[in-house]
Amino acid sequence: PPPLRHVADLKQGMRSVLEPAADAYWDGVGTIIDQSGTTEIRPETTEDWDALVNHAYVIAESGNLLMLGPRPKDGGEWMQMSRALVDVGEKAIRAAEAHNEQGVFDVGAEVYEVCTSCHAKYAAELTPPNTRQ
């Protein structure tokens, strides 16, 4: 096997790698409606789009990291959910590379579903009460 050395445990990897990337992806496109009116959030520059693409890559590759070494919780659903993160991450990459604002927004919802489904099974304490199984 390759000479891997796992530096981050599961919680640290989530906290320092996956969560910041997912948050940044979710924050990339949206609408805020408040007392001040409506604010549209969207990437404005090539650099903004590049950053969104990079966050999507981190999401996708994080699914692979979840399947390595001591991180898997089991060989069944854990692996399926980790693979689902890779798959939805690839969709996120394509949407961001295409500069597709609605696609980024829609795939962001899919990323959220993958994350909350896994949290509901493996980290219920981190899952919003309305999404727990």
C-alpha atoms as a PDB file:
ATOM      1  CA  PRO A   1       0.000   0.000   0.000  1.00  0.00           C
ATOM      2  CA  PRO A   2       1.067   3.629  -0.472  1.00  0.00           C
ATOM      3  CA  PRO A   3       2.908   5.170   2.471  1.00  0.00           C
ATOM      4  CA  LEU A   4      -0.093   7.180   3.680  1.00  0.00           C
ATOM      5  CA  ARG A   5       0.021   8.954   6.984  1.00  0.00           C
ATOM      6  CA  HIS A   6      -3.339  10.164   8.221  1.00  0.00           C
ATOM      7  CA  VAL A   7      -2.783  13.546   9.813  1.00  0.00           C
ATOM      8  CA  ALA A   8      -6.374  14.541  10.572  1.00  0.00           C
ATOM      9  CA  ASP A   9      -8.828  12.294  12.332  1.00  0.00           C
ATOM     10  CA  LEU A  10     -12.410  12.233  11.100  1.00  0.00           C
ATOM     11  CA  LYS A  11     -13.642  15.184  13.175  1.00  0.00           C
ATOM     12  CA  GLN A  12     -10.621  17.353  12.382  1.00  0.00           C
ATOM     13  CA  GLY A  13     -10.927  16.577   8.687  1.00  0.00           C
ATOM     14  CA  MET A  14     -14.580  17.548   8.726  1.00  0.00           C
ATOM     15  CA  ARG A  15     -13.911  20.717  10.702  1.00  0.00           C
ATOM     16  CA  SER A  16     -10.863  21.926   8.775  1.00  0.00           C
ATOM     17  CA  VAL A  17     -11.322  20.541   5.259  1.00  0.00           C
ATOM     18  CA  LEU A  18     -14.866  19.598   4.287  1.00  0.00           C
ATOM     19  CA  GLU A  19     -16.961  22.012   6.329  1.00  0.00           C
ATOM     20  CA  PRO A  20     -15.153  25.199   5.210  1.00  0.00           C
ATOM     21  CA  ALA A  21     -15.341  24.108   1.562  1.00  0.00           C
ATOM     22  CA  ALA A  22     -19.029  23.220   1.779  1.00  0.00           C
ATOM     23  CA  ASP A  23     -19.832  26.484   3.585  1.00  0.00           C
ATOM     24  CA  ALA A  24     -17.982  28.496   0.945  1.00  0.00           C
ATOM     25  CA  TYR A  25     -19.766  26.614  -1.861  1.00  0.00           C
ATOM     26  CA  TRP A  26     -23.163  27.179  -0.241  1.00  0.00           C
ATOM     27  CA  ASP A  27     -22.344  30.866   0.240  1.00  0.00           C
ATOM     28  CA  GLY A  28     -21.315  31.280  -3.415  1.00  0.00           C
ATOM     29  CA  VAL A  29     -24.774  31.807  -4.885  1.00  0.00           C
ATOM     30  CA  GLY A  30     -28.016  32.849  -3.213  1.00  0.00           C
ATOM     31  CA  THR A  31     -30.535  35.492  -2.341  1.00  0.00           C
ATOM     32  CA  ILE A  32     -30.971  37.312   0.956  1.00  0.00           C
ATOM     33  CA  ILE A  33     -34.273  39.062   1.570  1.00  0.00           C
ATOM     34  CA  ASP A  34     -34.483  41.236   4.673  1.00  0.00           C
ATOM     35  CA  GLN A  35     -35.698  44.660   5.827  1.00  0.00           C
ATOM     36  CA  SER A  36     -33.079  46.292   3.601  1.00  0.00           C
ATOM     37  CA  GLY A  37     -34.426  44.597   0.493  1.00  0.00           C
ATOM     38  CA  THR A  38     -33.110  41.838  -1.717  1.00  0.00           C
ATOM     39  CA  THR A  39     -29.426  41.051  -2.111  1.00  0.00           C
ATOM     40  CA  GLU A  40     -28.290  38.654  -4.827  1.00  0.00           C
ATOM     41  CA  ILE A  41     -25.094  36.751  -4.101  1.00  0.00           C
ATOM     42  CA  ARG A  42     -23.147  35.468  -7.072  1.00  0.00           C
ATOM     43  CA  PRO A  43     -19.575  35.128  -8.243  1.00  0.00           C
ATOM     44  CA  GLU A  44     -18.592  38.347  -9.992  1.00  0.00           C
ATOM     45  CA  THR A  45     -15.065  37.693 -11.204  1.00  0.00           C
ATOM     46  CA  THR A  46     -13.082  34.869 -12.744  1.00  0.00           C
ATOM     47  CA  GLU A  47     -11.320  34.532  -9.389  1.00  0.00           C
ATOM     48  CA  ASP A  48     -14.699  34.124  -7.616  1.00  0.00           C
ATOM     49  CA  TRP A  49     -15.677  31.342 -10.015  1.00  0.00           C
ATOM     50  CA  ASP A  50     -12.256  29.714  -9.676  1.00  0.00           C
ATOM     51  CA  ALA A  51     -12.630  29.708  -5.894  1.00  0.00           C
ATOM     52  CA  LEU A  52     -16.059  28.086  -6.216  1.00  0.00           C
ATOM     53  CA  VAL A  53     -14.598  25.399  -8.482  1.00  0.00           C
ATOM     54  CA  ASN A  54     -11.830  24.784  -5.952  1.00  0.00           C
ATOM     55  CA  HIS A  55     -14.334  24.419  -3.102  1.00  0.00           C
ATOM     56  CA  ALA A  56     -16.251  21.896  -5.197  1.00  0.00           C
ATOM     57  CA  TYR A  57     -13.064  19.891  -5.731  1.00  0.00           C
ATOM     58  CA  VAL A  58     -12.474  19.808  -1.978  1.00  0.00           C
ATOM     59  CA  ILE A  59     -16.023  18.514  -1.468  1.00  0.00           C
ATOM     60  CA  ALA A  60     -15.511  15.759  -4.033  1.00  0.00           C
ATOM     61  CA  GLU A  61     -12.092  14.702  -2.786  1.00  0.00           C
ATOM     62  CA  SER A  62     -13.308  14.768   0.820  1.00  0.00           C
ATOM     63  CA  GLY A  63     -15.591  11.874  -0.058  1.00  0.00           C
ATOM     64  CA  ASN A  64     -12.491   9.901  -1.030  1.00  0.00           C
ATOM     65  CA  LEU A  65     -10.722  10.892   2.193  1.00  0.00           C
ATOM     66  CA  LEU A  66     -13.681   9.604   4.202  1.00  0.00           C
ATOM     67  CA  MET A  67     -13.103   6.147   2.721  1.00  0.00           C
ATOM     68  CA  LEU A  68      -9.398   5.939   3.638  1.00  0.00           C
ATOM     69  CA  GLY A  69      -7.566   4.418   6.576  1.00  0.00           C
ATOM     70  CA  PRO A  70      -9.161   4.644   9.999  1.00  0.00           C
ATOM     71  CA  ARG A  71     -11.955   7.032   8.980  1.00  0.00           C
ATOM     72  CA  PRO A  72     -14.694   4.669   7.694  1.00  0.00           C
ATOM     73  CA  LYS A  73     -17.309   3.777  10.281  1.00  0.00           C
ATOM     74  CA  ASP A  74     -18.321   0.669   8.337  1.00  0.00           C
ATOM     75  CA  GLY A  75     -17.951  -0.900   4.915  1.00  0.00           C
ATOM     76  CA  GLY A  76     -21.570  -0.472   3.856  1.00  0.00           C
ATOM     77  CA  GLU A  77     -23.577   2.718   4.188  1.00  0.00           C
ATOM     78  CA  TRP A  78     -20.533   4.779   5.146  1.00  0.00           C
ATOM     79  CA  MET A  79     -18.865   3.901   1.865  1.00  0.00           C
ATOM     80  CA  GLN A  80     -22.065   4.545  -0.107  1.00  0.00           C
ATOM     81  CA  MET A  81     -22.535   7.950   1.504  1.00  0.00           C
ATOM     82  CA  SER A  82     -18.874   8.833   1.005  1.00  0.00           C
ATOM     83  CA  ARG A  83     -19.174   7.871  -2.660  1.00  0.00           C
ATOM     84  CA  ALA A  84     -22.326  10.011  -2.887  1.00  0.00           C
ATOM     85  CA  LEU A  85     -20.232  12.948  -1.664  1.00  0.00           C
ATOM     86  CA  VAL A  86     -17.713  12.300  -4.448  1.00  0.00           C
ATOM     87  CA  ASP A  87     -20.540  12.135  -7.001  1.00  0.00           C
ATOM     88  CA  VAL A  88     -22.286  15.310  -5.859  1.00  0.00           C
ATOM     89  CA  GLY A  89     -18.906  17.026  -5.616  1.00  0.00           C
ATOM     90  CA  GLU A  90     -18.312  16.223  -9.272  1.00  0.00           C
ATOM     91  CA  LYS A  91     -21.697  17.784 -10.101  1.00  0.00           C
ATOM     92  CA  ALA A  92     -20.680  20.842  -8.076  1.00  0.00           C
ATOM     93  CA  ILE A  93     -17.445  21.099 -10.075  1.00  0.00           C
ATOM     94  CA  ARG A  94     -19.313  20.955 -13.394  1.00  0.00           C
ATOM     95  CA  ALA A  95     -21.840  23.603 -12.305  1.00  0.00           C
ATOM     96  CA  ALA A  96     -19.119  25.974 -11.121  1.00  0.00           C
ATOM     97  CA  GLU A  97     -16.919  25.393 -14.178  1.00  0.00           C
ATOM     98  CA  ALA A  98     -19.929  26.223 -16.377  1.00  0.00           C
ATOM     99  CA  HIS A  99     -20.519  29.448 -14.388  1.00  0.00           C
ATOM    100  CA  ASN A 100     -24.069  28.184 -13.915  1.00  0.00           C
ATOM    101  CA  GLU A 101     -25.489  30.141 -10.983  1.00  0.00           C
ATOM    102  CA  GLN A 102     -28.728  28.175 -10.764  1.00  0.00           C
ATOM    103  CA  GLY A 103     -26.777  24.929 -11.121  1.00  0.00           C
ATOM    104  CA  VAL A 104     -24.467  25.888  -8.248  1.00  0.00           C
ATOM    105  CA  PHE A 105     -27.485  26.756  -6.114  1.00  0.00           C
ATOM    106  CA  ASP A 106     -29.303  23.512  -6.964  1.00  0.00           C
ATOM    107  CA  VAL A 107     -26.245  21.293  -6.484  1.00  0.00           C
ATOM    108  CA  GLY A 108     -25.622  23.072  -3.180  1.00  0.00           C
ATOM    109  CA  ALA A 109     -28.954  21.654  -2.023  1.00  0.00           C
ATOM    110  CA  GLU A 110     -27.814  18.186  -3.114  1.00  0.00           C
ATOM    111  CA  VAL A 111     -24.556  18.591  -1.198  1.00  0.00           C
ATOM    112  CA  TYR A 112     -26.606  19.529   1.864  1.00  0.00           C
ATOM    113  CA  GLU A 113     -28.774  16.419   1.473  1.00  0.00           C
ATOM    114  CA  VAL A 114     -25.744  14.132   1.213  1.00  0.00           C
ATOM    115  CA  CYS A 115     -24.163  15.733   4.271  1.00  0.00           C
ATOM    116  CA  THR A 116     -27.285  15.674   6.443  1.00  0.00           C
ATOM    117  CA  SER A 117     -28.098  12.082   5.467  1.00  0.00           C
ATOM    118  CA  CYS A 118     -24.678  10.972   6.666  1.00  0.00           C
ATOM    119  CA  HIS A 119     -24.854  13.105   9.799  1.00  0.00           C
ATOM    120  CA  ALA A 120     -28.303  11.716  10.613  1.00  0.00           C
ATOM    121  CA  LYS A 121     -26.828   8.212  10.707  1.00  0.00           C
ATOM    122  CA  TYR A 122     -23.299   8.801  12.009  1.00  0.00           C
ATOM    123  CA  ALA A 123     -23.293  12.179  13.789  1.00  0.00           C
ATOM    124  CA  ALA A 124     -26.838  12.872  14.945  1.00  0.00           C
ATOM    125  CA  GLU A 125     -25.601  15.427  17.469  1.00  0.00           C
ATOM    126  CA  LEU A 126     -24.410  17.580  14.547  1.00  0.00           C
ATOM    127  CA  THR A 127     -27.629  17.279  12.573  1.00  0.00           C
ATOM    128  CA  PRO A 128     -30.447  19.821  12.761  1.00  0.00           C
ATOM    129  CA  PRO A 129     -33.366  18.269  14.690  1.00  0.00           C
ATOM    130  CA  ASN A 130     -35.757  18.399  11.707  1.00  0.00           C
ATOM    131  CA  THR A 131     -33.440  16.200   9.595  1.00  0.00           C
ATOM    132  CA  ARG A 132     -32.668  13.463  12.129  1.00  0.00           C
ATOM    133  CA  GLN A 133     -33.832   9.936  11.329  1.00  0.00           C
END
